[in-house]
Amino acid sequence: MSTATGMAALKKAANGKRTLRWPHYLLIASGLLVLLSLVRVIDDANPVTSSGTVSASLRLAVPIFLAGLGGLWSERSGVINIGLEGMMILGTWTGAWAGYQWGPWIGVLAGILGGALGGLLHAIATVSFGVDHIVSGVAINILGIGLTQFLAGLIFDKGEAKALGGGPRQSPPVDSIDTLTLPVLSGGKIGGWQSPDWLGSLEDRHWFLLSDLAGILRGLTSEMSLLTFVALLLVPLSFLILWRTSFGLRIRSCGEDPYAAESLGVRVYRMKYAAVIISGGFSGLAGAFLVTVAGNLFQDGQTNGRGFIGLSAMIFGNWRPGGLMAGSLLFGYTDAMNVRGGGESVHALLLFVTILLVGVAVWQAVRGTRLRPEAVTDLGHREVRNAYFGSVLALVAAAGLLAWFLMSDLVPGELVSFTPHLVTLLVLSLASQRLRMPAANGLRYRRGEAR
C-alpha cells in the first residue's frame, strides 16, 4: 500500500465522526438517559434527573452557551475573541441600566447593544489595526470591568436609582421576564383554574426511565423564561446561517483562508467586522440574561468567568453549535447538581462517568486496532499510539473513579464545581487529534498581501 493511500485511509478514519447524523445523536442521547436512570436507581439519587435540576441546569447553561456562540461566530471568521467576558460585563450593565427604567425587554436590547459595542472595539483593534487578538481581548476584559464599576458608582449610587435600591456596586432591581408553563403536562394556573401536572405526578413515582424522562420534560416545560426559549432557538439559527447560507459561507471562508476568499470577491474586512460585532451581541445577550432572568439586577463580578467557560464549551464542541450546546449543558448540569443535589446526589455521577470512561477506553482501543493496518507513515504511527494511550488513560481514570465511588458516600462541593473544567481537559487530551479550529484563526490579515 502506498503512502498516499495510507494517508487517505487515515484521514477517512479520523473523520469518521462526520458520518454521524441526527438519528445517531438521538440514539446516543437515549443511551445516556438509560445509563443515567440506571445510576439513579442504584444510588437512590433522585435529584439527578429531577425537573428542578433540569430547570436549574438550563438556567445556568444559557449564559455560557450564548457567550460560546459569540466565540463561535468570531473564531469562524478567523478572529480569536477572549474578550467575551468583558463584553458580557458590558451587557450586564447596559441591560440593567435600561431594564430598570423601561422594562426587561428593553434591557435585553440594550444588553445586546452594549456587548456589540465591545465587539466593535475588538474588531477595530484586531481587523483594522492588526493588534494581537489575545492582547485586544484582555484589554476588552479590563475595560469592561473598569468601565462598569465607574458607571455603576456614577449612575446607580445617585438620585432615583439609589432610592430604588441601587448602589456603587449594584443596580436597582429589574423586572423578571415572563415564564411559560405547559398546562396539563406541567401544571400551572390558567385564570383561576389549577391545571393538572401529569409529568410531575409521573416524576414523583421514581420509576426507572419513565420518571427520569418525565423529570427532564417537566424541567423543560415548567416556568421556562421566554428569553431562555429565544436563546435556545439561536443555536439552530446560528447553524443554519453559518452552514446553510452564502453569508455564513463567506464568514467561514475568512476563517479558513482569507486570501483565497479575497480572490473570490469576498470582502474579508466587512465579514470579519460583522462576525465580531455579532459575537459581541451574543455576549451582551448573555449578560442581559443574567440581569433579567438569573439575578434580576446588576452586581459587580456577576459574570464570574462565564465568558471564559463559554470559550471552553466552544472548544469542547469542536467549533460547532451542537457540540457547544452539549458542553454548555455539561457545565450547567454540574453546577445545578452542586446547588440542588448536594454531595450525595453528585456521588451517583461518579458511577455514571466511570461507565462512560470504560466506553471511551473500548472505543479508543477499537479505533487503534482499525488504524494499525493503515499506519504506514509517521502520522499513522502517532494516530495508533495516541489511540492506545487514550484507551489506557481512560481505564486508569475509570478505575480511580470506581474506587472513589465504592469508598465514599458523597463528593465535596468544591470538586463538583471543578468537574466541567476537568472534563474539558479530558476531552482536549483524549480527542485533541479530532478537534479542529479554523485554519486562519488568530492570524493577521492584510488586504492584498502575499501569503
Protein backbone atom coordinates (compact mmCIF):
# COMPACT_ATOMS: atom_id res chain seq x y z
CA MET A 1 0.00 0.00 0.00
CA SER A 2 1.39 3.42 -0.97
CA THR A 3 2.00 6.23 1.45
CA ALA A 4 -0.66 8.35 -0.26
CA THR A 5 -3.20 5.55 0.10
CA GLY A 6 -2.32 5.15 3.77
CA MET A 7 -2.70 8.87 4.38
CA ALA A 8 -6.09 8.89 2.66
CA ALA A 9 -7.26 5.94 4.76
CA LEU A 10 -6.08 7.59 7.97
CA LYS A 11 -7.84 10.83 7.02
CA LYS A 12 -11.03 8.92 6.33
CA ALA A 13 -10.78 7.10 9.67
CA ALA A 14 -10.01 10.30 11.56
CA ASN A 15 -13.03 11.99 10.03
CA GLY A 16 -15.38 9.09 10.69
CA LYS A 17 -17.38 11.21 13.09
CA ARG A 18 -18.62 13.28 10.18
CA THR A 19 -20.83 10.40 9.08
CA LEU A 20 -22.96 10.81 12.21
CA ARG A 21 -26.48 12.07 11.58
CA TRP A 22 -29.34 13.11 13.80
CA PRO A 23 -30.59 9.52 14.30
CA HIS A 24 -27.15 8.61 15.65
CA TYR A 25 -27.17 11.54 18.07
CA LEU A 26 -30.68 10.63 19.25
CA LEU A 27 -29.54 7.06 19.81
CA ILE A 28 -26.54 8.26 21.83
CA ALA A 29 -28.75 10.60 23.88
CA SER A 30 -31.18 7.74 24.56
CA GLY A 31 -28.35 5.51 25.72
CA LEU A 32 -27.04 8.19 28.06
CA LEU A 33 -30.52 8.67 29.52
CA VAL A 34 -30.90 4.94 30.17
CA LEU A 35 -27.48 4.87 31.83
CA LEU A 36 -28.27 7.92 33.97
CA SER A 37 -31.57 6.38 35.05
CA LEU A 38 -29.81 3.16 36.00
CA VAL A 39 -27.25 5.04 38.05
CA ARG A 40 -30.02 7.00 39.80
CA VAL A 41 -31.80 3.80 40.81
CA ILE A 42 -28.61 2.10 42.01
CA ASP A 43 -27.51 5.02 44.20
CA ASP A 44 -31.03 6.25 45.09
CA ALA A 45 -30.13 9.75 43.88
CA ASN A 46 -33.45 11.16 42.67
CA PRO A 47 -32.25 14.77 42.13
CA VAL A 48 -30.00 13.53 39.30
CA THR A 49 -32.88 13.76 36.80
CA SER A 50 -35.41 15.85 38.73
CA SER A 51 -37.25 18.68 37.00
CA GLY A 52 -35.74 21.18 39.41
CA THR A 53 -32.22 20.10 38.48
CA VAL A 54 -33.01 20.20 34.76
CA SER A 55 -34.56 23.67 35.03
CA ALA A 56 -31.59 24.97 37.04
CA SER A 57 -29.17 23.38 34.58
CA LEU A 58 -30.79 25.18 31.67
CA ARG A 59 -30.82 28.49 33.51
CA LEU A 60 -27.12 28.14 34.36
CA ALA A 61 -26.17 26.90 30.89
CA VAL A 62 -27.85 29.64 28.83
CA PRO A 63 -25.35 32.47 29.53
CA ILE A 64 -22.48 30.03 28.92
CA PHE A 65 -23.66 28.86 25.51
CA LEU A 66 -24.63 32.40 24.48
CA ALA A 67 -21.07 33.51 25.23
CA GLY A 68 -19.81 30.39 23.46
CA LEU A 69 -21.92 31.23 20.41
CA GLY A 70 -20.29 34.64 20.42
CA GLY A 71 -16.87 33.00 20.40
CA LEU A 72 -18.00 30.63 17.64
CA TRP A 73 -19.08 33.44 15.31
CA SER A 74 -15.88 35.37 15.89
CA GLU A 75 -13.47 32.46 15.53
CA ARG A 76 -15.24 31.11 12.45
CA SER A 77 -14.25 34.41 10.83
CA GLY A 78 -10.65 33.99 11.99
CA VAL A 79 -10.69 36.37 14.98
CA ILE A 80 -9.90 34.92 18.41
CA ASN A 81 -12.16 36.52 20.99
CA ILE A 82 -11.12 36.06 24.60
CA GLY A 83 -12.83 39.37 25.35
CA LEU A 84 -16.20 37.59 25.71
CA GLU A 85 -16.08 38.12 29.47
CA GLY A 86 -15.69 41.87 29.11
CA MET A 87 -18.47 42.02 26.52
CA MET A 88 -20.73 40.09 28.90
CA ILE A 89 -19.94 42.58 31.65
CA LEU A 90 -20.88 45.46 29.36
CA GLY A 91 -24.12 43.62 28.57
CA THR A 92 -24.98 43.21 32.26
CA TRP A 93 -24.55 46.91 32.99
CA THR A 94 -26.35 48.27 29.93
CA GLY A 95 -29.10 45.67 30.35
CA ALA A 96 -29.67 46.64 33.97
CA TRP A 97 -29.45 50.37 33.27
CA ALA A 98 -32.15 50.21 30.59
CA GLY A 99 -34.10 47.39 32.21
CA TYR A 100 -34.95 49.06 35.49
CA GLN A 101 -36.17 52.19 33.67
CA TRP A 102 -38.03 50.84 30.62
CA GLY A 103 -38.64 47.16 31.29
CA PRO A 104 -36.73 43.87 30.88
CA TRP A 105 -37.10 43.50 27.10
CA ILE A 106 -35.63 46.96 26.51
CA GLY A 107 -32.90 45.87 28.90
CA VAL A 108 -32.24 42.82 26.72
CA LEU A 109 -31.89 45.02 23.62
CA ALA A 110 -29.60 47.41 25.50
CA GLY A 111 -27.50 44.49 26.70
CA ILE A 112 -27.07 43.27 23.12
CA LEU A 113 -26.00 46.76 22.05
CA GLY A 114 -23.56 47.03 24.95
CA GLY A 115 -21.92 43.73 24.04
CA ALA A 116 -21.90 44.65 20.34
CA LEU A 117 -20.04 47.86 21.23
CA GLY A 118 -17.35 45.75 22.88
CA GLY A 119 -17.25 43.57 19.76
CA LEU A 120 -16.85 46.66 17.58
CA LEU A 121 -13.86 47.80 19.65
CA HIS A 122 -12.30 44.35 19.34
CA ALA A 123 -12.87 44.37 15.57
CA ILE A 124 -11.30 47.82 15.17
CA ALA A 125 -8.23 46.73 17.12
CA THR A 126 -7.71 43.32 15.51
CA VAL A 127 -9.08 43.69 11.99
CA SER A 128 -8.25 47.31 11.16
CA PHE A 129 -5.10 47.90 13.23
CA GLY A 130 -3.74 44.35 13.36
CA VAL A 131 -3.42 44.24 17.16
CA ASP A 132 -2.71 40.80 18.56
CA HIS A 133 -6.07 39.13 19.22
CA ILE A 134 -5.15 37.99 22.73
CA VAL A 135 -3.90 41.42 23.74
CA SER A 136 -7.05 43.08 22.43
CA GLY A 137 -9.27 40.54 24.20
CA VAL A 138 -7.51 41.10 27.53
CA ALA A 139 -7.89 44.86 27.06
CA ILE A 140 -11.65 44.44 26.44
CA ASN A 141 -11.97 42.40 29.64
CA ILE A 142 -10.14 45.04 31.68
CA LEU A 143 -12.16 47.82 30.05
CA GLY A 144 -15.44 46.05 30.79
CA ILE A 145 -14.65 45.66 34.48
CA GLY A 146 -13.33 49.17 34.99
CA LEU A 147 -15.96 50.98 32.92
CA THR A 148 -18.96 49.25 34.54
CA GLN A 149 -17.58 49.87 38.04
CA PHE A 150 -17.15 53.55 37.23
CA LEU A 151 -20.60 53.87 35.65
CA ALA A 152 -22.30 51.97 38.48
CA GLY A 153 -20.90 54.41 41.03
CA LEU A 154 -21.73 57.37 38.80
CA ILE A 155 -25.35 56.44 37.97
CA PHE A 156 -26.69 53.75 40.31
CA ASP A 157 -25.47 55.41 43.52
CA LYS A 158 -27.30 58.69 42.97
CA GLY A 159 -30.79 60.12 42.73
CA GLU A 160 -33.73 57.96 41.74
CA ALA A 161 -31.60 54.89 41.08
CA LYS A 162 -30.24 54.95 44.62
CA ALA A 163 -33.72 55.44 46.03
CA LEU A 164 -34.87 52.31 44.16
CA GLY A 165 -32.11 50.17 45.68
CA GLY A 166 -29.08 50.98 43.56
CA GLY A 167 -25.58 51.43 44.91
CA PRO A 168 -21.92 51.75 43.89
CA ARG A 169 -21.74 48.05 43.01
CA GLN A 170 -25.29 47.17 42.02
CA SER A 171 -28.28 48.45 40.07
CA PRO A 172 -31.91 48.83 41.15
CA PRO A 173 -33.96 45.64 40.66
CA VAL A 174 -35.07 44.75 37.12
CA ASP A 175 -38.46 43.17 36.48
CA SER A 176 -38.34 39.49 35.54
CA ILE A 177 -39.24 38.31 32.05
CA ASP A 178 -42.43 36.26 31.89
CA THR A 179 -42.26 32.47 32.03
CA LEU A 180 -44.06 29.69 30.16
CA THR A 181 -45.57 26.54 31.66
CA LEU A 182 -47.21 23.89 29.53
CA PRO A 183 -50.72 23.30 31.00
CA VAL A 184 -51.92 19.80 31.85
CA LEU A 185 -48.46 18.28 31.36
CA SER A 186 -46.54 20.56 33.76
CA GLY A 187 -49.22 22.23 35.87
CA GLY A 188 -49.61 25.96 36.33
CA LYS A 189 -52.69 28.17 36.57
CA ILE A 190 -54.89 29.45 33.78
CA GLY A 191 -57.03 32.19 35.26
CA GLY A 192 -58.48 30.62 38.38
CA TRP A 193 -58.13 27.05 37.09
CA GLN A 194 -55.33 24.90 38.52
CA SER A 195 -54.04 22.73 35.70
CA PRO A 196 -53.13 19.07 36.28
CA ASP A 197 -49.42 18.18 36.44
CA TRP A 198 -49.12 14.80 34.72
CA LEU A 199 -45.37 14.91 34.27
CA GLY A 200 -44.89 15.93 37.90
CA SER A 201 -47.00 13.01 39.11
CA LEU A 202 -45.03 10.57 36.98
CA GLU A 203 -41.73 12.05 38.16
CA ASP A 204 -42.69 11.61 41.83
CA ARG A 205 -43.13 7.84 41.34
CA HIS A 206 -39.38 7.42 40.72
CA TRP A 207 -39.86 4.65 38.18
CA PHE A 208 -36.93 3.52 36.09
CA LEU A 209 -36.53 5.60 32.92
CA LEU A 210 -40.17 6.80 32.76
CA SER A 211 -39.81 9.08 35.79
CA ASP A 212 -36.44 10.31 34.55
CA LEU A 213 -37.89 11.20 31.17
CA ALA A 214 -40.84 12.91 32.86
CA GLY A 215 -38.49 14.93 35.08
CA ILE A 216 -36.45 16.11 32.11
CA LEU A 217 -39.53 17.06 30.09
CA ARG A 218 -41.09 18.85 33.04
CA GLY A 219 -37.88 20.80 33.63
CA LEU A 220 -38.05 21.97 30.02
CA THR A 221 -41.76 22.84 30.04
CA SER A 222 -42.31 24.32 33.50
CA GLU A 223 -41.69 28.01 34.23
CA MET A 224 -39.28 28.48 31.34
CA SER A 225 -38.38 32.11 30.74
CA LEU A 226 -39.32 33.49 27.35
CA LEU A 227 -35.74 34.71 26.96
CA THR A 228 -34.49 31.15 27.59
CA PHE A 229 -36.76 29.94 24.80
CA VAL A 230 -35.42 32.63 22.46
CA ALA A 231 -31.83 31.77 23.42
CA LEU A 232 -32.37 28.08 22.63
CA LEU A 233 -33.61 28.98 19.16
CA LEU A 234 -30.33 30.80 18.49
CA VAL A 235 -28.41 27.51 18.38
CA PRO A 236 -30.14 26.04 15.29
CA LEU A 237 -30.41 29.54 13.83
CA SER A 238 -26.64 30.00 14.07
CA PHE A 239 -26.08 26.62 12.43
CA LEU A 240 -28.44 27.44 9.57
CA ILE A 241 -26.86 30.83 8.93
CA LEU A 242 -23.23 29.73 9.18
CA TRP A 243 -23.57 26.43 7.30
CA ARG A 244 -26.56 26.91 5.01
CA THR A 245 -26.34 30.49 3.71
CA SER A 246 -23.93 32.36 1.45
CA PHE A 247 -23.36 34.90 4.23
CA GLY A 248 -22.24 32.13 6.58
CA LEU A 249 -20.05 30.58 3.89
CA ARG A 250 -18.27 33.91 3.39
CA ILE A 251 -17.65 34.25 7.13
CA ARG A 252 -16.27 30.71 7.41
CA SER A 253 -14.10 31.19 4.32
CA CYS A 254 -12.48 34.18 6.05
CA GLY A 255 -11.59 31.94 8.98
CA GLU A 256 -10.15 29.20 6.78
CA ASP A 257 -8.26 31.16 4.11
CA PRO A 258 -8.95 34.91 3.90
CA TYR A 259 -6.65 35.40 0.89
CA ALA A 260 -8.47 32.75 -1.13
CA ALA A 261 -11.76 34.34 -0.06
CA GLU A 262 -10.44 37.73 -1.17
CA SER A 263 -9.52 36.31 -4.58
CA LEU A 264 -13.13 35.16 -4.97
CA GLY A 265 -14.52 38.62 -4.28
CA VAL A 266 -15.36 38.24 -0.57
CA ARG A 267 -14.97 41.49 1.36
CA VAL A 268 -12.94 39.99 4.16
CA TYR A 269 -12.78 43.07 6.38
CA ARG A 270 -16.54 43.51 6.20
CA MET A 271 -17.19 39.84 7.02
CA LYS A 272 -14.80 39.90 9.98
CA TYR A 273 -16.36 43.08 11.32
CA ALA A 274 -19.85 41.61 11.01
CA ALA A 275 -18.87 38.36 12.74
CA VAL A 276 -17.06 40.03 15.65
CA ILE A 277 -19.88 42.54 16.24
CA ILE A 278 -22.40 39.67 16.20
CA SER A 279 -20.09 37.87 18.63
CA GLY A 280 -20.25 40.84 20.97
CA GLY A 281 -24.03 40.95 20.62
CA PHE A 282 -24.32 37.33 21.72
CA SER A 283 -22.07 38.01 24.70
CA GLY A 284 -24.11 41.09 25.60
CA LEU A 285 -27.27 38.98 25.41
CA ALA A 286 -25.66 36.54 27.84
CA GLY A 287 -25.03 39.44 30.21
CA ALA A 288 -28.59 40.71 29.79
CA PHE A 289 -29.84 37.20 30.63
CA LEU A 290 -28.04 37.41 33.97
CA VAL A 291 -29.83 40.62 34.95
CA THR A 292 -33.31 39.82 33.57
CA VAL A 293 -33.64 36.09 34.32
CA ALA A 294 -30.91 34.76 36.60
CA GLY A 295 -30.35 37.61 39.04
CA ASN A 296 -32.77 40.49 38.26
CA LEU A 297 -30.15 43.18 38.91
CA PHE A 298 -26.61 44.14 38.00
CA GLN A 299 -23.89 43.30 40.53
CA ASP A 300 -20.15 43.77 40.36
CA GLY A 301 -18.48 40.46 39.44
CA GLN A 302 -21.77 38.98 38.29
CA THR A 303 -20.40 37.16 35.22
CA ASN A 304 -17.99 35.13 37.40
CA GLY A 305 -15.86 33.93 34.48
CA ARG A 306 -18.72 32.65 32.34
CA GLY A 307 -17.19 34.20 29.24
CA PHE A 308 -14.09 32.05 29.65
CA ILE A 309 -16.23 28.99 30.38
CA GLY A 310 -18.10 29.73 27.14
CA LEU A 311 -14.78 29.58 25.29
CA SER A 312 -14.07 26.21 26.93
CA ALA A 313 -17.50 24.95 25.86
CA MET A 314 -16.82 26.14 22.31
CA ILE A 315 -13.57 24.15 22.17
CA PHE A 316 -15.34 21.19 23.78
CA GLY A 317 -17.86 21.36 20.94
CA ASN A 318 -15.15 21.50 18.25
CA TRP A 319 -16.29 24.92 17.00
CA ARG A 320 -19.78 23.60 16.16
CA PRO A 321 -23.10 24.88 17.61
CA GLY A 322 -24.40 21.43 18.62
CA GLY A 323 -21.22 20.44 20.42
CA LEU A 324 -21.08 23.86 22.05
CA MET A 325 -24.61 23.36 23.37
CA ALA A 326 -23.67 19.95 24.79
CA GLY A 327 -20.60 21.39 26.52
CA SER A 328 -22.60 24.26 27.99
CA LEU A 329 -25.25 21.90 29.33
CA LEU A 330 -22.48 19.85 30.95
CA PHE A 331 -21.20 22.93 32.78
CA GLY A 332 -24.72 23.99 33.75
CA TYR A 333 -25.71 20.50 34.89
CA THR A 334 -22.74 20.03 37.22
CA ASP A 335 -23.34 23.48 38.72
CA ALA A 336 -27.03 22.67 39.21
CA MET A 337 -26.19 19.35 40.87
CA ASN A 338 -23.85 21.15 43.23
CA VAL A 339 -26.56 23.68 44.14
CA ARG A 340 -29.63 21.42 44.29
CA GLY A 341 -28.47 17.83 44.61
CA GLY A 342 -25.72 18.07 47.19
CA GLY A 343 -22.72 15.79 47.53
CA GLU A 344 -24.85 12.68 48.00
CA SER A 345 -26.56 13.04 44.63
CA VAL A 346 -23.37 14.01 42.84
CA HIS A 347 -21.87 10.80 44.19
CA ALA A 348 -24.04 8.87 41.71
CA LEU A 349 -22.38 10.70 38.85
CA LEU A 350 -19.08 9.05 39.75
CA LEU A 351 -20.52 5.71 38.64
CA PHE A 352 -22.01 7.33 35.55
CA VAL A 353 -18.65 8.82 34.49
CA THR A 354 -16.89 5.55 35.30
CA ILE A 355 -19.06 3.64 32.85
CA LEU A 356 -18.60 6.34 30.22
CA LEU A 357 -14.82 6.18 30.61
CA VAL A 358 -14.88 2.42 30.14
CA GLY A 359 -16.83 3.01 26.93
CA VAL A 360 -14.25 5.60 25.81
CA ALA A 361 -11.45 3.14 26.54
CA VAL A 362 -13.09 0.44 24.42
CA TRP A 363 -13.75 2.90 21.59
CA GLN A 364 -10.14 4.14 21.59
CA ALA A 365 -8.80 0.57 21.60
CA VAL A 366 -11.03 -0.42 18.67
CA ARG A 367 -10.01 2.75 16.83
CA GLY A 368 -6.34 1.94 17.32
CA THR A 369 -6.86 -1.58 16.05
CA ARG A 370 -8.61 -0.32 12.92
CA LEU A 371 -5.84 2.18 12.23
CA ARG A 372 -2.99 -0.31 12.57
CA PRO A 373 -3.17 -1.79 9.04
CA GLU A 374 -3.06 1.74 7.59
CA ALA A 375 -0.26 3.06 9.84
CA VAL A 376 2.38 3.26 7.10
CA THR A 377 3.51 6.82 7.91
CA ASP A 378 4.78 8.69 10.94
CA LEU A 379 1.33 10.29 11.17
CA GLY A 380 -0.23 6.84 11.19
CA HIS A 381 2.05 5.60 13.96
CA ARG A 382 1.20 8.65 16.07
CA GLU A 383 -2.53 8.11 15.49
CA VAL A 384 -2.30 4.50 16.65
CA ARG A 385 -0.11 5.37 19.63
CA ASN A 386 -2.45 8.18 20.70
CA ALA A 387 -5.47 5.89 20.42
CA TYR A 388 -3.96 3.23 22.65
CA PHE A 389 -2.64 5.82 25.09
CA GLY A 390 -6.11 7.35 25.32
CA SER A 391 -7.58 3.91 25.99
CA VAL A 392 -5.15 3.23 28.85
CA LEU A 393 -5.66 6.72 30.31
CA ALA A 394 -9.45 6.29 30.26
CA LEU A 395 -9.21 2.90 32.00
CA VAL A 396 -6.94 4.30 34.73
CA ALA A 397 -9.33 7.20 35.31
CA ALA A 398 -12.31 4.80 35.38
CA ALA A 399 -10.58 2.59 37.97
CA GLY A 400 -9.86 5.61 40.16
CA LEU A 401 -13.44 6.89 39.98
CA LEU A 402 -14.86 3.44 40.71
CA ALA A 403 -12.67 3.15 43.81
CA TRP A 404 -13.84 6.59 44.88
CA PHE A 405 -17.48 5.62 44.35
CA LEU A 406 -17.15 2.43 46.41
CA MET A 407 -15.21 4.01 49.27
CA SER A 408 -17.25 7.20 49.79
CA ASP A 409 -20.81 8.40 50.23
CA LEU A 410 -20.59 11.98 48.93
CA VAL A 411 -18.50 14.32 46.80
CA PRO A 412 -17.21 17.66 48.17
CA GLY A 413 -18.85 20.63 46.52
CA GLU A 414 -15.51 22.18 45.54
CA LEU A 415 -14.70 19.15 43.39
CA VAL A 416 -18.15 19.26 41.80
CA SER A 417 -17.57 22.85 40.73
CA PHE A 418 -14.29 21.83 39.11
CA THR A 419 -15.83 18.87 37.24
CA PRO A 420 -16.68 20.72 33.99
CA HIS A 421 -13.16 22.06 33.71
CA LEU A 422 -11.74 18.58 34.34
CA VAL A 423 -14.00 17.12 31.66
CA THR A 424 -12.86 19.79 29.20
CA LEU A 425 -9.22 18.89 29.89
CA LEU A 426 -10.02 15.21 29.36
CA VAL A 427 -11.71 15.99 26.05
CA LEU A 428 -8.75 18.06 24.90
CA SER A 429 -6.29 15.31 25.85
CA LEU A 430 -8.26 12.32 24.54
CA ALA A 431 -9.66 13.92 21.40
CA SER A 432 -7.06 16.55 20.54
CA GLN A 433 -6.40 14.88 17.19
CA ARG A 434 -10.06 15.25 16.24
CA LEU A 435 -10.51 18.87 17.31
CA ARG A 436 -10.02 21.35 14.50
CA MET A 437 -10.24 25.11 14.81
CA PRO A 438 -10.49 27.32 11.68
CA ALA A 439 -7.17 27.23 9.84
CA ALA A 440 -6.60 31.01 9.81
CA ASN A 441 -7.88 31.61 13.33
CA GLY A 442 -5.85 34.32 15.06
CA LEU A 443 -3.72 35.14 12.01
CA ARG A 444 -3.16 38.74 10.94
CA TYR A 445 -4.76 39.59 7.60
CA ARG A 446 -3.93 42.49 5.30
CA ARG A 447 -5.72 43.03 2.03
CA GLY A 448 -3.51 42.36 -1.00
CA GLU A 449 -0.57 40.98 0.96
CA ALA A 450 1.18 37.82 -0.20
CA ARG A 451 0.66 34.79 1.98
